[in-house]
């Protein structure tokens, strides 16, 4: 994932006055002063009538990441999302949006710059689908290209490609009422992506769907992201969804961001009691990744490769690596054992040790260990960097191993032999 930013929030306040014109400006000024004095949302609305949608928001969203903003109803998450494409005005601070080699300041953009941003840089997927019922699936998807005045041949090619990617090409000439809710949301996703935006805004897009369909669309979004590498800002009130989808998560409360971090950071190192309560009943299988629970392996810089040994569940394993860090061989109690990368497409053979990536979830590690009866190897960019055995899985499931997993200098679990 790139470290170049796609969107940056700098001390952003978004306030909604109860009136326009001079009266509104006076109330906004009073509300701003109260914010600076540390007054609460409730204090401000009672005294001025101004609703604090967001206060002092500082975020930097990297190009190509799925960044999730989550919180309960009224936390400010949708308010923040809608400021990215100018649907909500910024009262103070600024939001910078990268588009190609340009940076657009959303504080007070010129109308032409805002139109260009919405046409080419930022697209949105809505919670309630927002399809035009008098148009077919194809005509709904091509709307953005129509507004851009794209040629007919180019439009058809792009629409067909995205309808095929979301599995709806056979339904291209149907109308929205002929589709299920999940299919309608796929139409909305294709419509947002057909314009090839830099940033995709998703405002609780799956919350109106049945759990099974919701889970399927989450998987499809992750699968699409592997090939399209878009910057996605995703709003949800569901922690499991946030943990499953997000490269990073921002948790909001009362208009303020109270913690930002990777899913493991949120789960294992909650910054406040509020966040701790949020994660208390979460499902660790879909939150913790292999990088956080593995025992690390230092391959060294040995031209002849490296040999490591470890014990798991009373069995002794010897791991041999090539000079480039890739696997050379693995044995269990002196007998060679097969290994197999976990790619999500082909099943790991029975008895073979699975190799997962550092980004794989705990559920993948558990599945592989149950299938083989052996520890699971962990790789990054093709190089073996660690392993997960029975104790690591148990620690993650019970949270008993938090101190070990977050310690800056863990006791090495593998020793060169």
Protein backbone atom coordinates (compact mmCIF):
# COMPACT_ATOMS: atom_id res chain seq x y z
CA UNK A 1 0.00 0.00 0.00
CA UNK A 2 1.29 3.45 -0.93
CA UNK A 3 2.25 5.97 1.74
CA UNK A 4 1.14 8.85 -0.51
CA UNK A 5 -1.97 10.45 0.93
CA UNK A 6 -5.27 10.48 -0.95
CA UNK A 7 -7.16 12.66 1.53
CA UNK A 8 -6.03 14.65 4.54
CA UNK A 9 -8.17 16.24 7.26
CA UNK A 10 -6.50 19.08 9.15
CA UNK A 11 -8.28 20.29 12.32
CA UNK A 12 -11.67 20.02 10.62
CA UNK A 13 -14.82 21.34 12.31
CA UNK A 14 -18.21 20.86 10.65
CA UNK A 15 -21.00 22.83 12.29
CA UNK A 16 -24.66 23.14 11.31
CA UNK A 17 -26.30 26.44 12.35
CA UNK A 18 -30.11 26.63 12.71
CA UNK A 19 -30.31 29.70 10.45
CA UNK A 20 -28.68 31.17 7.35
CA UNK A 21 -27.18 34.60 6.81
CA UNK A 22 -25.98 36.91 9.52
CA UNK A 23 -27.86 35.16 12.30
CA UNK A 24 -26.28 31.86 11.33
CA UNK A 25 -22.79 33.34 11.19
CA UNK A 26 -23.24 34.87 14.66
CA UNK A 27 -24.31 31.54 16.12
CA UNK A 28 -21.46 29.75 14.36
CA UNK A 29 -18.96 32.16 15.87
CA UNK A 30 -20.41 31.57 19.34
CA UNK A 31 -20.36 27.79 18.83
CA UNK A 32 -16.75 27.89 17.62
CA UNK A 33 -15.72 29.83 20.72
CA UNK A 34 -17.48 27.27 22.92
CA UNK A 35 -15.69 24.43 21.09
CA UNK A 36 -12.36 26.11 21.77
CA UNK A 37 -13.34 26.46 25.43
CA UNK A 38 -13.90 22.71 25.67
CA UNK A 39 -17.70 22.76 25.85
CA UNK A 40 -19.60 19.61 24.92
CA UNK A 41 -21.89 19.04 21.97
CA UNK A 42 -24.88 19.18 24.29
CA UNK A 43 -23.72 22.49 25.79
CA UNK A 44 -23.26 24.04 22.36
CA UNK A 45 -26.60 23.04 20.89
CA UNK A 46 -28.43 24.13 24.04
CA UNK A 47 -26.74 27.53 24.09
CA UNK A 48 -26.51 28.33 20.37
CA UNK A 49 -28.72 25.87 18.50
CA UNK A 50 -25.67 24.85 16.45
CA UNK A 51 -25.18 21.13 15.87
CA UNK A 52 -21.55 19.99 16.05
CA UNK A 53 -21.23 17.38 13.31
CA UNK A 54 -17.46 17.00 13.63
CA UNK A 55 -14.83 18.67 15.81
CA UNK A 56 -11.06 18.89 15.37
CA UNK A 57 -10.84 15.92 13.00
CA UNK A 58 -7.31 15.06 11.92
CA UNK A 59 -6.94 12.12 9.55
CA UNK A 60 -4.59 11.10 6.76
CA UNK A 61 -5.91 8.46 4.38
CA UNK A 62 -3.30 6.68 2.29
CA UNK A 63 -3.67 6.09 -1.40
CA UNK A 64 -4.96 2.57 -2.07
CA UNK A 65 -6.18 1.72 1.44
CA UNK A 66 -9.61 0.84 2.76
CA UNK A 67 -10.07 3.36 5.57
CA UNK A 68 -13.07 2.70 7.78
CA UNK A 69 -14.80 5.39 9.84
CA UNK A 70 -17.02 3.83 12.46
CA UNK A 71 -19.12 4.81 15.41
CA UNK A 72 -22.65 4.73 16.72
CA UNK A 73 -25.50 6.78 15.23
CA UNK A 74 -24.79 10.47 15.67
CA UNK A 75 -21.06 10.00 16.13
CA UNK A 76 -20.24 12.16 13.08
CA UNK A 77 -18.95 9.48 10.73
CA UNK A 78 -21.28 10.25 7.81
CA UNK A 79 -20.80 13.98 8.37
CA UNK A 80 -17.06 13.52 7.89
CA UNK A 81 -17.51 11.30 4.82
CA UNK A 82 -19.82 13.78 3.07
CA UNK A 83 -17.27 16.56 3.50
CA UNK A 84 -14.83 14.72 1.23
CA UNK A 85 -16.92 15.44 -1.88
CA UNK A 86 -18.30 18.78 -0.67
CA UNK A 87 -21.77 17.60 0.36
CA UNK A 88 -21.05 19.03 3.83
CA UNK A 89 -19.29 22.37 4.15
CA UNK A 90 -16.22 22.72 6.33
CA UNK A 91 -16.63 25.32 9.07
CA UNK A 92 -12.98 25.43 10.08
CA UNK A 93 -9.79 23.62 9.10
CA UNK A 94 -9.33 22.05 5.69
CA UNK A 95 -9.56 18.81 3.72
CA UNK A 96 -7.03 18.18 0.97
CA UNK A 97 -7.84 15.73 -1.83
CA UNK A 98 -5.16 14.39 -4.18
CA UNK A 99 -6.18 14.03 -7.83
CA UNK A 100 -3.36 13.10 -10.16
CA UNK A 101 -0.58 15.61 -9.56
CA UNK A 102 -2.97 18.20 -8.12
CA UNK A 103 -4.18 18.83 -4.58
CA UNK A 104 -7.72 20.21 -4.17
CA UNK A 105 -8.56 22.17 -1.01
CA UNK A 106 -12.19 21.40 -0.11
CA UNK A 107 -12.50 24.35 2.27
CA UNK A 108 -14.06 26.59 -0.38
CA UNK A 109 -13.44 25.09 -3.83
CA UNK A 110 -14.40 26.91 -7.00
CA UNK A 111 -17.56 25.47 -8.60
CA UNK A 112 -15.62 24.20 -11.62
CA UNK A 113 -13.04 22.46 -9.40
CA UNK A 114 -15.82 20.86 -7.34
CA UNK A 115 -17.59 19.58 -10.46
CA UNK A 116 -14.33 18.14 -11.80
CA UNK A 117 -13.64 16.46 -8.47
CA UNK A 118 -17.08 14.83 -8.37
CA UNK A 119 -16.89 13.83 -12.04
CA UNK A 120 -13.43 12.30 -12.01
CA UNK A 121 -11.85 11.99 -8.57
CA UNK A 122 -14.53 10.96 -6.06
CA UNK A 123 -17.56 8.64 -6.37
CA UNK A 124 -20.07 7.58 -3.75
CA UNK A 125 -22.04 4.42 -2.96
CA UNK A 126 -25.14 5.10 -0.88
CA UNK A 127 -26.81 3.08 1.85
CA UNK A 128 -30.20 2.95 0.12
CA UNK A 129 -28.81 2.17 -3.35
CA UNK A 130 -30.16 5.45 -4.89
CA UNK A 131 -30.85 3.81 -8.26
CA UNK A 132 -33.02 5.53 -10.85
CA UNK A 133 -36.06 3.20 -11.13
CA UNK A 134 -36.96 4.23 -14.69
CA UNK A 135 -33.52 3.24 -15.97
CA UNK A 136 -32.21 -0.24 -16.66
CA UNK A 137 -29.18 -1.62 -14.86
CA UNK A 138 -27.00 -0.62 -17.80
CA UNK A 139 -28.42 2.90 -17.95
CA UNK A 140 -27.93 3.34 -14.19
CA UNK A 141 -24.29 2.30 -14.37
CA UNK A 142 -23.51 4.56 -17.32
CA UNK A 143 -24.92 7.69 -15.63
CA UNK A 144 -21.53 9.11 -14.58
CA UNK A 145 -20.07 8.57 -18.03
CA UNK A 146 -23.14 10.17 -19.59
CA UNK A 147 -22.66 13.28 -17.45
CA UNK A 148 -19.02 13.29 -18.52
CA UNK A 149 -20.14 13.06 -22.19
CA UNK A 150 -18.10 9.92 -22.82
CA UNK A 151 -18.51 8.37 -26.27
CA UNK A 152 -21.00 5.55 -26.80
CA UNK A 153 -18.47 2.84 -27.64
CA UNK A 154 -16.19 3.69 -24.70
CA UNK A 155 -19.21 3.88 -22.39
CA UNK A 156 -20.53 0.47 -23.41
CA UNK A 157 -17.11 -1.14 -23.03
CA UNK A 158 -16.61 0.31 -19.54
CA UNK A 159 -20.16 -0.54 -18.38
CA UNK A 160 -19.90 -4.11 -19.66
CA UNK A 161 -16.55 -4.56 -17.93
CA UNK A 162 -17.84 -3.42 -14.54
CA UNK A 163 -21.13 -5.26 -14.81
CA UNK A 164 -19.14 -8.39 -15.56
CA UNK A 165 -16.82 -7.78 -12.59
CA UNK A 166 -19.78 -7.45 -10.19
CA UNK A 167 -21.58 -10.42 -11.77
CA UNK A 168 -24.50 -8.51 -13.28
CA UNK A 169 -23.86 -8.53 -17.02
CA UNK A 170 -26.77 -10.97 -17.67
CA UNK A 171 -29.10 -8.51 -15.88
CA UNK A 172 -27.95 -5.43 -17.82
CA UNK A 173 -31.38 -4.77 -19.36
CA UNK A 174 -33.39 -5.37 -16.17
CA UNK A 175 -34.80 -2.63 -13.95
CA UNK A 176 -34.00 -2.13 -10.26
CA UNK A 177 -37.31 -3.58 -9.01
CA UNK A 178 -36.46 -6.86 -10.75
CA UNK A 179 -33.26 -7.28 -8.68
CA UNK A 180 -32.62 -8.35 -5.09
CA UNK A 181 -31.20 -5.88 -2.58
CA UNK A 182 -27.72 -7.32 -2.89
CA UNK A 183 -27.86 -7.09 -6.68
CA UNK A 184 -29.07 -3.49 -6.49
CA UNK A 185 -26.13 -2.60 -4.30
CA UNK A 186 -23.81 -4.19 -6.85
CA UNK A 187 -25.33 -1.89 -9.45
CA UNK A 188 -24.53 1.05 -7.18
CA UNK A 189 -20.97 -0.15 -6.79
CA UNK A 190 -20.51 -0.58 -10.55
CA UNK A 191 -21.99 2.88 -11.15
CA UNK A 192 -19.48 4.42 -8.73
CA UNK A 193 -16.50 2.56 -10.18
CA UNK A 194 -17.22 2.91 -13.90
CA UNK A 195 -15.87 6.48 -13.86
CA UNK A 196 -12.54 5.18 -12.49
CA UNK A 197 -12.44 7.50 -9.45
CA UNK A 198 -9.41 8.01 -7.24
CA UNK A 199 -11.53 7.79 -4.08
CA UNK A 200 -14.64 5.70 -3.45
CA UNK A 201 -16.92 6.84 -0.62
CA UNK A 202 -19.16 4.12 0.85
CA UNK A 203 -21.80 5.21 3.36
CA UNK A 204 -22.98 2.08 5.21
CA UNK A 205 -23.58 0.43 1.83
CA UNK A 206 -24.37 -3.04 3.18
CA UNK A 207 -26.31 -2.21 6.36
CA UNK A 208 -29.76 -2.66 4.78
CA UNK A 209 -28.96 -6.18 3.58
CA UNK A 210 -29.46 -9.59 5.15
CA UNK A 211 -26.39 -10.87 7.05
CA UNK A 212 -25.49 -13.58 4.53
CA UNK A 213 -25.73 -11.20 1.56
CA UNK A 214 -23.86 -8.55 3.52
CA UNK A 215 -21.01 -10.95 4.24
CA UNK A 216 -20.86 -12.01 0.59
CA UNK A 217 -20.66 -8.42 -0.63
CA UNK A 218 -17.91 -7.67 1.90
CA UNK A 219 -15.93 -10.58 0.46
CA UNK A 220 -16.59 -9.37 -3.08
CA UNK A 221 -15.43 -5.87 -2.20
CA UNK A 222 -12.18 -7.22 -0.75
CA UNK A 223 -11.68 -9.38 -3.84
CA UNK A 224 -12.26 -6.42 -6.16
CA UNK A 225 -9.89 -4.27 -4.12
CA UNK A 226 -7.06 -6.75 -4.73
CA UNK A 227 -7.20 -5.86 -8.43
CA UNK A 228 -8.40 -2.24 -8.47
CA UNK A 229 -6.40 -0.79 -5.51
CA UNK A 230 -8.79 2.12 -4.99
CA UNK A 231 -8.77 4.44 -2.02
CA UNK A 232 -11.97 3.52 -0.20
CA UNK A 233 -13.42 5.49 2.71
CA UNK A 234 -16.02 3.21 4.23
CA UNK A 235 -18.51 4.24 6.93
CA UNK A 236 -20.13 1.66 9.21
CA UNK A 237 -21.55 1.27 12.70
CA UNK A 238 -20.67 -2.44 12.74
CA UNK A 239 -17.35 -3.32 14.38
CA UNK A 240 -17.04 -6.75 12.78
CA UNK A 241 -17.49 -5.16 9.35
CA UNK A 242 -14.90 -2.50 10.16
CA UNK A 243 -12.39 -5.07 11.36
CA UNK A 244 -12.93 -7.28 8.34
CA UNK A 245 -12.63 -4.56 5.70
CA UNK A 246 -10.37 -1.88 7.08
CA UNK A 247 -6.65 -1.51 6.59
CA UNK A 248 -7.09 1.15 9.25
CA UNK A 249 -10.04 2.24 11.36
CA UNK A 250 -11.03 5.58 12.90
CA UNK A 251 -13.49 5.35 15.78
CA UNK A 252 -15.65 8.42 16.37
CA UNK A 253 -17.71 9.56 19.34
CA UNK A 254 -19.64 12.84 19.71
CA UNK A 255 -18.11 14.25 16.54
CA UNK A 256 -14.51 13.54 17.52
CA UNK A 257 -12.01 10.90 16.42
CA UNK A 258 -10.91 9.04 19.54
CA UNK A 259 -8.65 6.36 18.04
CA UNK A 260 -7.10 5.56 14.67
CA UNK A 261 -5.21 2.37 13.96
CA UNK A 262 -4.99 -0.98 12.25
CA UNK A 263 -7.66 -3.50 13.29
CA UNK A 264 -5.16 -5.21 15.62
CA UNK A 265 -4.36 -1.89 17.29
CA UNK A 266 -8.03 -1.23 17.96
CA UNK A 267 -8.63 -4.73 19.34
CA UNK A 268 -5.42 -5.26 21.30
CA UNK A 269 -4.64 -1.70 22.38
CA UNK A 270 -7.91 0.25 22.87
CA UNK A 271 -7.09 3.88 23.64
CA UNK A 272 -10.10 4.60 25.88
CA UNK A 273 -12.69 2.79 27.97
CA UNK A 274 -15.20 3.59 25.22
CA UNK A 275 -13.13 1.74 22.60
CA UNK A 276 -12.45 -1.11 25.04
CA UNK A 277 -16.19 -1.55 25.53
CA UNK A 278 -16.68 -1.50 21.77
CA UNK A 279 -14.24 -4.38 21.22
CA UNK A 280 -15.11 -6.40 24.30
CA UNK A 281 -17.46 -8.72 22.43
CA UNK A 282 -15.89 -8.64 18.99
CA UNK A 283 -15.00 -11.76 17.05
CA UNK A 284 -11.18 -12.14 17.11
CA UNK A 285 -11.33 -14.54 14.16
CA UNK A 286 -12.11 -11.65 11.80
CA UNK A 287 -10.01 -8.99 13.53
CA UNK A 288 -6.53 -10.29 14.34
CA UNK A 289 -4.10 -10.89 11.50
CA UNK A 290 -1.25 -13.35 11.30
CA UNK A 291 1.33 -10.57 11.62
CA UNK A 292 0.09 -9.81 15.15
CA UNK A 293 -0.10 -13.33 16.54
CA UNK A 294 2.85 -15.07 14.87
CA UNK A 295 6.14 -15.88 16.56
CA UNK A 296 8.73 -13.89 14.57
CA UNK A 297 11.58 -15.51 12.69
CA UNK A 298 14.85 -13.73 11.93
CA UNK A 299 16.23 -15.23 8.72
CA UNK A 300 19.57 -13.49 9.09
CA UNK A 301 21.96 -12.91 6.19
CA UNK A 302 23.48 -16.32 5.62
CA UNK A 303 24.65 -17.16 2.11
CA UNK A 304 24.10 -20.86 2.90
CA UNK A 305 20.55 -20.32 4.07
CA UNK A 306 19.30 -20.72 7.65
CA UNK A 307 18.09 -23.56 9.87
CA UNK A 308 15.56 -22.99 12.64
CA UNK A 309 13.89 -25.35 15.04
CA UNK A 310 10.84 -25.06 17.28
CA UNK A 311 8.43 -27.22 19.25
CA UNK A 312 4.66 -27.11 18.96
CA UNK A 313 2.21 -29.42 20.70
CA UNK A 314 5.03 -31.82 21.67
CA UNK A 315 6.29 -32.15 18.08
CA UNK A 316 9.69 -30.89 16.99
CA UNK A 317 9.96 -28.96 13.72
CA UNK A 318 13.02 -27.99 11.71
CA UNK A 319 12.70 -25.21 9.17
CA UNK A 320 15.21 -24.65 6.38
CA UNK A 321 15.30 -21.39 4.42
CA UNK A 322 17.11 -20.43 1.25
CA UNK A 323 19.39 -17.37 1.24
CA UNK A 324 16.54 -15.22 -0.11
CA UNK A 325 14.28 -16.17 2.81
CA UNK A 326 12.00 -18.49 0.85
CA UNK A 327 11.23 -21.95 2.18
CA UNK A 328 13.69 -24.75 1.39
CA UNK A 329 12.18 -27.50 3.51
CA UNK A 330 10.26 -28.42 6.67
CA UNK A 331 10.38 -31.55 8.82
CA UNK A 332 8.35 -32.79 11.77
CA UNK A 333 10.11 -35.14 14.22
CA UNK A 334 12.70 -35.85 11.53
CA UNK A 335 10.27 -36.62 8.70
CA UNK A 336 9.87 -34.27 5.75
CA UNK A 337 6.46 -32.63 5.54
CA UNK A 338 4.71 -30.96 2.61
CA UNK A 339 3.86 -27.26 2.59
CA UNK A 340 1.28 -25.36 0.54
CA UNK A 341 0.62 -21.60 0.13
CA UNK A 342 -2.88 -20.49 1.08
CA UNK A 343 -4.25 -18.60 -1.91
CA UNK A 344 -8.01 -18.79 -1.37
CA UNK A 345 -8.52 -20.64 -4.66
CA UNK A 346 -7.08 -24.14 -4.17
CA UNK A 347 -7.56 -26.12 -0.98
CA UNK A 348 -4.51 -27.03 1.07
CA UNK A 349 -3.88 -30.80 0.75
CA UNK A 350 -4.68 -32.85 3.86
CA UNK A 351 -1.69 -32.98 6.18
CA UNK A 352 0.26 -30.25 4.37
CA UNK A 353 1.42 -27.23 6.35
CA UNK A 354 -0.26 -24.05 5.15
CA UNK A 355 1.70 -20.86 4.43
CA UNK A 356 -0.37 -17.75 5.07
CA UNK A 357 0.54 -14.13 4.43
CA UNK A 358 0.96 -11.66 7.29
CA UNK A 359 -2.34 -10.10 6.21
CA UNK A 360 -4.36 -13.30 6.60
CA UNK A 361 -6.90 -13.34 9.41
CA UNK A 362 -6.89 -15.52 12.50
CA UNK A 363 -9.77 -17.53 11.04
CA UNK A 364 -7.50 -18.52 8.13
CA UNK A 365 -4.76 -19.59 10.55
CA UNK A 366 -7.22 -21.64 12.62
CA UNK A 367 -8.62 -23.31 9.50
CA UNK A 368 -5.16 -24.25 8.24
CA UNK A 369 -4.00 -25.60 11.59
CA UNK A 370 -7.14 -27.68 12.01
CA UNK A 371 -6.75 -29.04 8.50
CA UNK A 372 -3.11 -30.09 8.85
CA UNK A 373 -2.65 -30.67 12.58
CA UNK A 374 0.61 -28.68 12.28
CA UNK A 375 1.67 -25.08 12.92
CA UNK A 376 1.04 -22.56 10.17
CA UNK A 377 3.96 -20.73 8.54
CA UNK A 378 3.67 -16.99 7.94
CA UNK A 379 5.20 -15.26 4.91
CA UNK A 380 5.62 -11.72 3.67
CA UNK A 381 6.53 -11.05 0.04
CA UNK A 382 7.36 -14.74 -0.38
CA UNK A 383 9.77 -14.88 2.59
CA UNK A 384 9.01 -16.90 5.73
CA UNK A 385 8.90 -14.48 8.67
CA UNK A 386 7.24 -16.52 11.44
CA UNK A 387 4.89 -19.26 12.48
CA UNK A 388 1.65 -19.76 14.43
CA UNK A 389 1.18 -22.80 16.62
CA UNK A 390 -1.43 -23.96 19.12
CA UNK A 391 -0.39 -21.51 21.83
CA UNK A 392 -0.51 -18.51 19.50
CA UNK A 393 -4.00 -19.41 18.32
CA UNK A 394 -5.21 -20.00 21.89
CA UNK A 395 -3.69 -16.72 23.09
CA UNK A 396 -5.41 -14.80 20.32
CA UNK A 397 -8.78 -16.45 20.92
CA UNK A 398 -8.76 -15.84 24.66
CA UNK A 399 -6.88 -12.50 24.60
CA UNK A 400 -4.62 -14.01 27.26
CA UNK A 401 -1.60 -13.33 25.10
CA UNK A 402 -2.10 -9.59 24.64
CA UNK A 403 0.92 -8.63 26.72
CA UNK A 404 3.14 -11.01 24.77
CA UNK A 405 1.80 -9.95 21.37
CA UNK A 406 2.22 -6.25 22.07
CA UNK A 407 5.54 -6.40 23.89
CA UNK A 408 8.24 -4.41 22.11
CA UNK A 409 10.86 -7.09 22.72
CA UNK A 410 9.17 -10.51 22.72
CA UNK A 411 11.08 -13.56 23.82
CA UNK A 412 12.20 -15.33 20.64
CA UNK A 413 10.24 -18.51 20.05
CA UNK A 414 12.56 -19.84 17.38
CA UNK A 415 16.21 -20.60 17.95
CA UNK A 416 18.82 -21.19 15.27
CA UNK A 417 19.83 -24.82 15.48
